[in-house]
Amino acid sequence: MTVDAPREREDYGPRTRPLPFERGTDGPRVVLVGVDGTRTSERAGWYAAGLARRQGAALVVVHVRANAGFTALVPGVDAGALERCHDELTEELRRECRRGAEELGLPVTFVCRRGDAYTELRAAADEFRADLVVVGASEQAGHRLVGSVATRLVRAGRWPVVVVP
């Protein structure tokens, strides 16, 4: 059973129309980056912002929050406190996007979704017609066995994927 989560979207920075095609400037028009507050996702965000600025592309920043449904079942975990922590992280990432958009003069769209990171990043890349997807490398040891979000995005083979260490 899946529950449709509310989808949030905010646009920051100048709105520009895509440039007409010019020979030698056929880089990405839309760069999508997944952020989750980790060191590697922060580096991925700045890498994507720099790339988008140099290419004259729009930047879409996607933050995927994990479903809190199973958290309530774990003994000793306060689901309300965990939800407040997620809310604070989302607001911090939103402020950082706004600041970066103003600082770089870059059109940035911040999207917050709830669910599985791979599924939501894939859906956002299709929705925004991303030409490039940027994610940070996973720092969790278990992902070497099961597979990380980055590995799953690369295996999907639908867009070029840059994995930032």
C-alpha atoms as a PDB file:
ATOM      1  CA  MET A   1       0.000   0.000   0.000  1.00  0.00           C
ATOM      2  CA  THR A   2       1.490   3.320  -0.999  1.00  0.00           C
ATOM      3  CA  VAL A   3       0.472   6.675   0.354  1.00  0.00           C
ATOM      4  CA  ASP A   4       0.699   9.720  -1.861  1.00  0.00           C
ATOM      5  CA  ALA A   5       2.954  12.146  -0.084  1.00  0.00           C
ATOM      6  CA  PRO A   6       2.629  15.877  -0.546  1.00  0.00           C
ATOM      7  CA  ARG A   7       5.149  17.252  -2.963  1.00  0.00           C
ATOM      8  CA  GLU A   8       6.700  20.616  -2.283  1.00  0.00           C
ATOM      9  CA  ARG A   9       8.421  22.820  -4.830  1.00  0.00           C
ATOM     10  CA  GLU A  10      10.009  26.241  -4.588  1.00  0.00           C
ATOM     11  CA  ASP A  11      11.812  28.218  -7.263  1.00  0.00           C
ATOM     12  CA  TYR A  12      14.683  30.597  -6.501  1.00  0.00           C
ATOM     13  CA  GLY A  13      16.952  32.826  -8.580  1.00  0.00           C
ATOM     14  CA  PRO A  14      16.402  34.354 -11.988  1.00  0.00           C
ATOM     15  CA  ARG A  15      14.136  32.680 -14.503  1.00  0.00           C
ATOM     16  CA  THR A  16      15.784  32.376 -17.867  1.00  0.00           C
ATOM     17  CA  ARG A  17      14.586  30.797 -21.058  1.00  0.00           C
ATOM     18  CA  PRO A  18      16.730  28.021 -22.484  1.00  0.00           C
ATOM     19  CA  LEU A  19      19.320  29.287 -24.898  1.00  0.00           C
ATOM     20  CA  PRO A  20      18.953  28.268 -28.541  1.00  0.00           C
ATOM     21  CA  PHE A  21      21.215  25.435 -29.617  1.00  0.00           C
ATOM     22  CA  GLU A  22      24.683  26.610 -30.591  1.00  0.00           C
ATOM     23  CA  ARG A  23      27.402  24.351 -31.859  1.00  0.00           C
ATOM     24  CA  GLY A  24      29.817  23.441 -29.077  1.00  0.00           C
ATOM     25  CA  THR A  25      27.419  24.436 -26.304  1.00  0.00           C
ATOM     26  CA  ASP A  26      25.240  21.361 -26.266  1.00  0.00           C
ATOM     27  CA  GLY A  27      25.709  20.673 -22.546  1.00  0.00           C
ATOM     28  CA  PRO A  28      22.915  19.878 -20.117  1.00  0.00           C
ATOM     29  CA  ARG A  29      19.947  22.254 -19.883  1.00  0.00           C
ATOM     30  CA  VAL A  30      18.634  20.804 -16.601  1.00  0.00           C
ATOM     31  CA  VAL A  31      20.927  19.435 -13.891  1.00  0.00           C
ATOM     32  CA  LEU A  32      19.204  17.507 -11.098  1.00  0.00           C
ATOM     33  CA  VAL A  33      20.952  16.865  -7.797  1.00  0.00           C
ATOM     34  CA  GLY A  34      19.828  14.755  -4.844  1.00  0.00           C
ATOM     35  CA  VAL A  35      20.645  16.117  -1.380  1.00  0.00           C
ATOM     36  CA  ASP A  36      20.058  14.604   2.045  1.00  0.00           C
ATOM     37  CA  GLY A  37      22.252  16.626   4.396  1.00  0.00           C
ATOM     38  CA  THR A  38      25.314  14.355   4.287  1.00  0.00           C
ATOM     39  CA  ARG A  39      28.830  15.547   3.452  1.00  0.00           C
ATOM     40  CA  THR A  40      28.842  13.834   0.078  1.00  0.00           C
ATOM     41  CA  SER A  41      25.434  15.214  -0.903  1.00  0.00           C
ATOM     42  CA  GLU A  42      26.577  18.727   0.046  1.00  0.00           C
ATOM     43  CA  ARG A  43      29.614  18.329  -2.209  1.00  0.00           C
ATOM     44  CA  ALA A  44      27.335  16.966  -4.943  1.00  0.00           C
ATOM     45  CA  GLY A  45      25.088  20.017  -4.552  1.00  0.00           C
ATOM     46  CA  TRP A  46      27.942  22.471  -4.960  1.00  0.00           C
ATOM     47  CA  TYR A  47      29.379  20.472  -7.870  1.00  0.00           C
ATOM     48  CA  ALA A  48      25.979  20.506  -9.613  1.00  0.00           C
ATOM     49  CA  ALA A  49      25.524  24.232  -8.935  1.00  0.00           C
ATOM     50  CA  GLY A  50      28.917  25.050 -10.440  1.00  0.00           C
ATOM     51  CA  LEU A  51      28.262  22.861 -13.446  1.00  0.00           C
ATOM     52  CA  ALA A  52      24.808  24.369 -14.004  1.00  0.00           C
ATOM     53  CA  ARG A  53      26.226  27.894 -13.747  1.00  0.00           C
ATOM     54  CA  ARG A  54      29.007  27.170 -16.240  1.00  0.00           C
ATOM     55  CA  GLN A  55      26.618  25.466 -18.676  1.00  0.00           C
ATOM     56  CA  GLY A  56      23.834  28.048 -18.333  1.00  0.00           C
ATOM     57  CA  ALA A  57      21.514  25.276 -17.144  1.00  0.00           C
ATOM     58  CA  ALA A  58      18.713  25.222 -14.603  1.00  0.00           C
ATOM     59  CA  LEU A  59      19.394  23.418 -11.334  1.00  0.00           C
ATOM     60  CA  VAL A  60      16.809  21.187  -9.668  1.00  0.00           C
ATOM     61  CA  VAL A  61      17.627  20.240  -6.075  1.00  0.00           C
ATOM     62  CA  VAL A  62      15.663  17.242  -4.792  1.00  0.00           C
ATOM     63  CA  HIS A  63      15.491  16.356  -1.107  1.00  0.00           C
ATOM     64  CA  VAL A  64      13.837  13.004  -0.399  1.00  0.00           C
ATOM     65  CA  ARG A  65      12.620  12.360   3.124  1.00  0.00           C
ATOM     66  CA  ALA A  66      12.273   8.765   4.222  1.00  0.00           C
ATOM     67  CA  ASN A  67       8.832   7.530   5.168  1.00  0.00           C
ATOM     68  CA  ALA A  68       8.354   7.701   8.925  1.00  0.00           C
ATOM     69  CA  GLY A  69       5.780   4.902   8.997  1.00  0.00           C
ATOM     70  CA  PHE A  70       8.139   2.186  10.207  1.00  0.00           C
ATOM     71  CA  THR A  71       9.782   4.480  12.755  1.00  0.00           C
ATOM     72  CA  ALA A  72       6.706   4.377  14.973  1.00  0.00           C
ATOM     73  CA  LEU A  73       7.109   0.591  15.259  1.00  0.00           C
ATOM     74  CA  VAL A  74      10.655   0.754  16.638  1.00  0.00           C
ATOM     75  CA  PRO A  75      10.664   0.743  20.445  1.00  0.00           C
ATOM     76  CA  GLY A  76      12.395   3.681  22.086  1.00  0.00           C
ATOM     77  CA  VAL A  77      12.160   5.974  19.049  1.00  0.00           C
ATOM     78  CA  ASP A  78      10.096   9.145  19.369  1.00  0.00           C
ATOM     79  CA  ALA A  79       8.476   9.531  15.930  1.00  0.00           C
ATOM     80  CA  GLY A  80       7.510  13.149  16.670  1.00  0.00           C
ATOM     81  CA  ALA A  81      11.096  14.111  17.498  1.00  0.00           C
ATOM     82  CA  LEU A  82      12.343  12.365  14.385  1.00  0.00           C
ATOM     83  CA  GLU A  83       9.771  14.198  12.249  1.00  0.00           C
ATOM     84  CA  ARG A  84      10.819  17.557  13.763  1.00  0.00           C
ATOM     85  CA  CYS A  85      14.447  16.691  12.968  1.00  0.00           C
ATOM     86  CA  HIS A  86      13.503  15.976   9.342  1.00  0.00           C
ATOM     87  CA  ASP A  87      11.555  19.270   9.180  1.00  0.00           C
ATOM     88  CA  GLU A  88      14.581  21.199  10.463  1.00  0.00           C
ATOM     89  CA  LEU A  89      16.869  19.526   7.924  1.00  0.00           C
ATOM     90  CA  THR A  90      14.458  20.332   5.092  1.00  0.00           C
ATOM     91  CA  GLU A  91      14.286  24.002   6.139  1.00  0.00           C
ATOM     92  CA  GLU A  92      18.073  24.194   6.416  1.00  0.00           C
ATOM     93  CA  LEU A  93      18.483  22.732   2.907  1.00  0.00           C
ATOM     94  CA  ARG A  94      15.814  25.126   1.568  1.00  0.00           C
ATOM     95  CA  ARG A  95      17.650  28.143   3.059  1.00  0.00           C
ATOM     96  CA  GLU A  96      20.955  26.904   1.631  1.00  0.00           C
ATOM     97  CA  CYS A  97      19.387  26.570  -1.846  1.00  0.00           C
ATOM     98  CA  ARG A  98      17.937  30.053  -1.660  1.00  0.00           C
ATOM     99  CA  ARG A  99      21.293  31.492  -0.549  1.00  0.00           C
ATOM    100  CA  GLY A 100      23.187  29.612  -3.270  1.00  0.00           C
ATOM    101  CA  ALA A 101      20.736  30.741  -5.963  1.00  0.00           C
ATOM    102  CA  GLU A 102      21.166  34.375  -4.956  1.00  0.00           C
ATOM    103  CA  GLU A 103      24.933  34.068  -4.625  1.00  0.00           C
ATOM    104  CA  LEU A 104      25.441  32.367  -7.999  1.00  0.00           C
ATOM    105  CA  GLY A 105      22.600  34.065  -9.908  1.00  0.00           C
ATOM    106  CA  LEU A 106      21.352  30.636 -10.866  1.00  0.00           C
ATOM    107  CA  PRO A 107      17.774  29.461 -11.432  1.00  0.00           C
ATOM    108  CA  VAL A 108      17.211  26.818  -8.748  1.00  0.00           C
ATOM    109  CA  THR A 109      14.127  24.732  -8.066  1.00  0.00           C
ATOM    110  CA  PHE A 110      13.984  23.067  -4.639  1.00  0.00           C
ATOM    111  CA  VAL A 111      11.765  19.979  -4.460  1.00  0.00           C
ATOM    112  CA  CYS A 112      10.979  18.050  -1.281  1.00  0.00           C
ATOM    113  CA  ARG A 113       9.480  14.578  -1.610  1.00  0.00           C
ATOM    114  CA  ARG A 114       8.773  11.708   0.719  1.00  0.00           C
ATOM    115  CA  GLY A 115       9.504   8.076  -0.067  1.00  0.00           C
ATOM    116  CA  ASP A 116      12.269   5.889  -1.454  1.00  0.00           C
ATOM    117  CA  ALA A 117      15.222   8.009  -2.609  1.00  0.00           C
ATOM    118  CA  TYR A 118      15.829   6.080  -5.838  1.00  0.00           C
ATOM    119  CA  THR A 119      12.170   6.075  -6.857  1.00  0.00           C
ATOM    120  CA  GLU A 120      11.647   9.771  -6.116  1.00  0.00           C
ATOM    121  CA  LEU A 121      14.899  10.885  -7.789  1.00  0.00           C
ATOM    122  CA  ARG A 122      14.018   8.854 -10.871  1.00  0.00           C
ATOM    123  CA  ALA A 123      10.511  10.365 -10.979  1.00  0.00           C
ATOM    124  CA  ALA A 124      11.873  13.898 -10.504  1.00  0.00           C
ATOM    125  CA  ALA A 125      14.471  13.397 -13.254  1.00  0.00           C
ATOM    126  CA  ASP A 126      11.703  12.337 -15.635  1.00  0.00           C
ATOM    127  CA  GLU A 127       9.351  15.123 -14.504  1.00  0.00           C
ATOM    128  CA  PHE A 128      11.913  17.905 -14.945  1.00  0.00           C
ATOM    129  CA  ARG A 129      13.457  16.259 -18.042  1.00  0.00           C
ATOM    130  CA  ALA A 130      16.887  16.222 -16.464  1.00  0.00           C
ATOM    131  CA  ASP A 131      19.859  15.990 -18.780  1.00  0.00           C
ATOM    132  CA  LEU A 132      22.206  15.022 -15.945  1.00  0.00           C
ATOM    133  CA  VAL A 133      21.743  13.582 -12.448  1.00  0.00           C
ATOM    134  CA  VAL A 134      24.300  14.304  -9.709  1.00  0.00           C
ATOM    135  CA  VAL A 135      24.385  12.422  -6.389  1.00  0.00           C
ATOM    136  CA  GLY A 136      26.870  11.957  -3.581  1.00  0.00           C
ATOM    137  CA  ALA A 137      28.529   8.602  -2.989  1.00  0.00           C
ATOM    138  CA  SER A 138      27.007   6.559  -0.192  1.00  0.00           C
ATOM    139  CA  GLU A 139      28.928   6.483   3.062  1.00  0.00           C
ATOM    140  CA  GLN A 140      27.064   3.458   4.442  1.00  0.00           C
ATOM    141  CA  ALA A 141      28.923   0.156   4.476  1.00  0.00           C
ATOM    142  CA  GLY A 142      25.784  -1.906   3.794  1.00  0.00           C
ATOM    143  CA  HIS A 143      25.365  -0.304   0.389  1.00  0.00           C
ATOM    144  CA  ARG A 144      28.391  -2.195  -0.864  1.00  0.00           C
ATOM    145  CA  LEU A 145      26.292  -5.360  -0.616  1.00  0.00           C
ATOM    146  CA  VAL A 146      22.768  -4.150  -1.371  1.00  0.00           C
ATOM    147  CA  GLY A 147      23.558  -1.302  -3.767  1.00  0.00           C
ATOM    148  CA  SER A 148      23.361   2.426  -3.267  1.00  0.00           C
ATOM    149  CA  VAL A 149      20.999   4.968  -4.793  1.00  0.00           C
ATOM    150  CA  ALA A 150      23.845   6.072  -7.068  1.00  0.00           C
ATOM    151  CA  THR A 151      24.435   2.540  -8.318  1.00  0.00           C
ATOM    152  CA  ARG A 152      20.736   2.038  -8.994  1.00  0.00           C
ATOM    153  CA  LEU A 153      20.542   5.338 -10.919  1.00  0.00           C
ATOM    154  CA  VAL A 154      23.557   4.383 -13.031  1.00  0.00           C
ATOM    155  CA  ARG A 155      22.064   0.955 -13.748  1.00  0.00           C
ATOM    156  CA  ALA A 156      18.789   2.551 -14.846  1.00  0.00           C
ATOM    157  CA  GLY A 157      20.755   3.994 -17.781  1.00  0.00           C
ATOM    158  CA  ARG A 158      18.261   6.771 -18.446  1.00  0.00           C
ATOM    159  CA  TRP A 159      20.515   9.793 -17.832  1.00  0.00           C
ATOM    160  CA  PRO A 160      24.193  10.475 -17.357  1.00  0.00           C
ATOM    161  CA  VAL A 161      24.908  10.174 -13.632  1.00  0.00           C
ATOM    162  CA  VAL A 162      27.788  11.855 -11.807  1.00  0.00           C
ATOM    163  CA  VAL A 163      28.647  10.351  -8.420  1.00  0.00           C
ATOM    164  CA  VAL A 164      30.583  12.822  -6.275  1.00  0.00           C
ATOM    165  CA  PRO A 165      32.815  11.270  -3.573  1.00  0.00           C
END
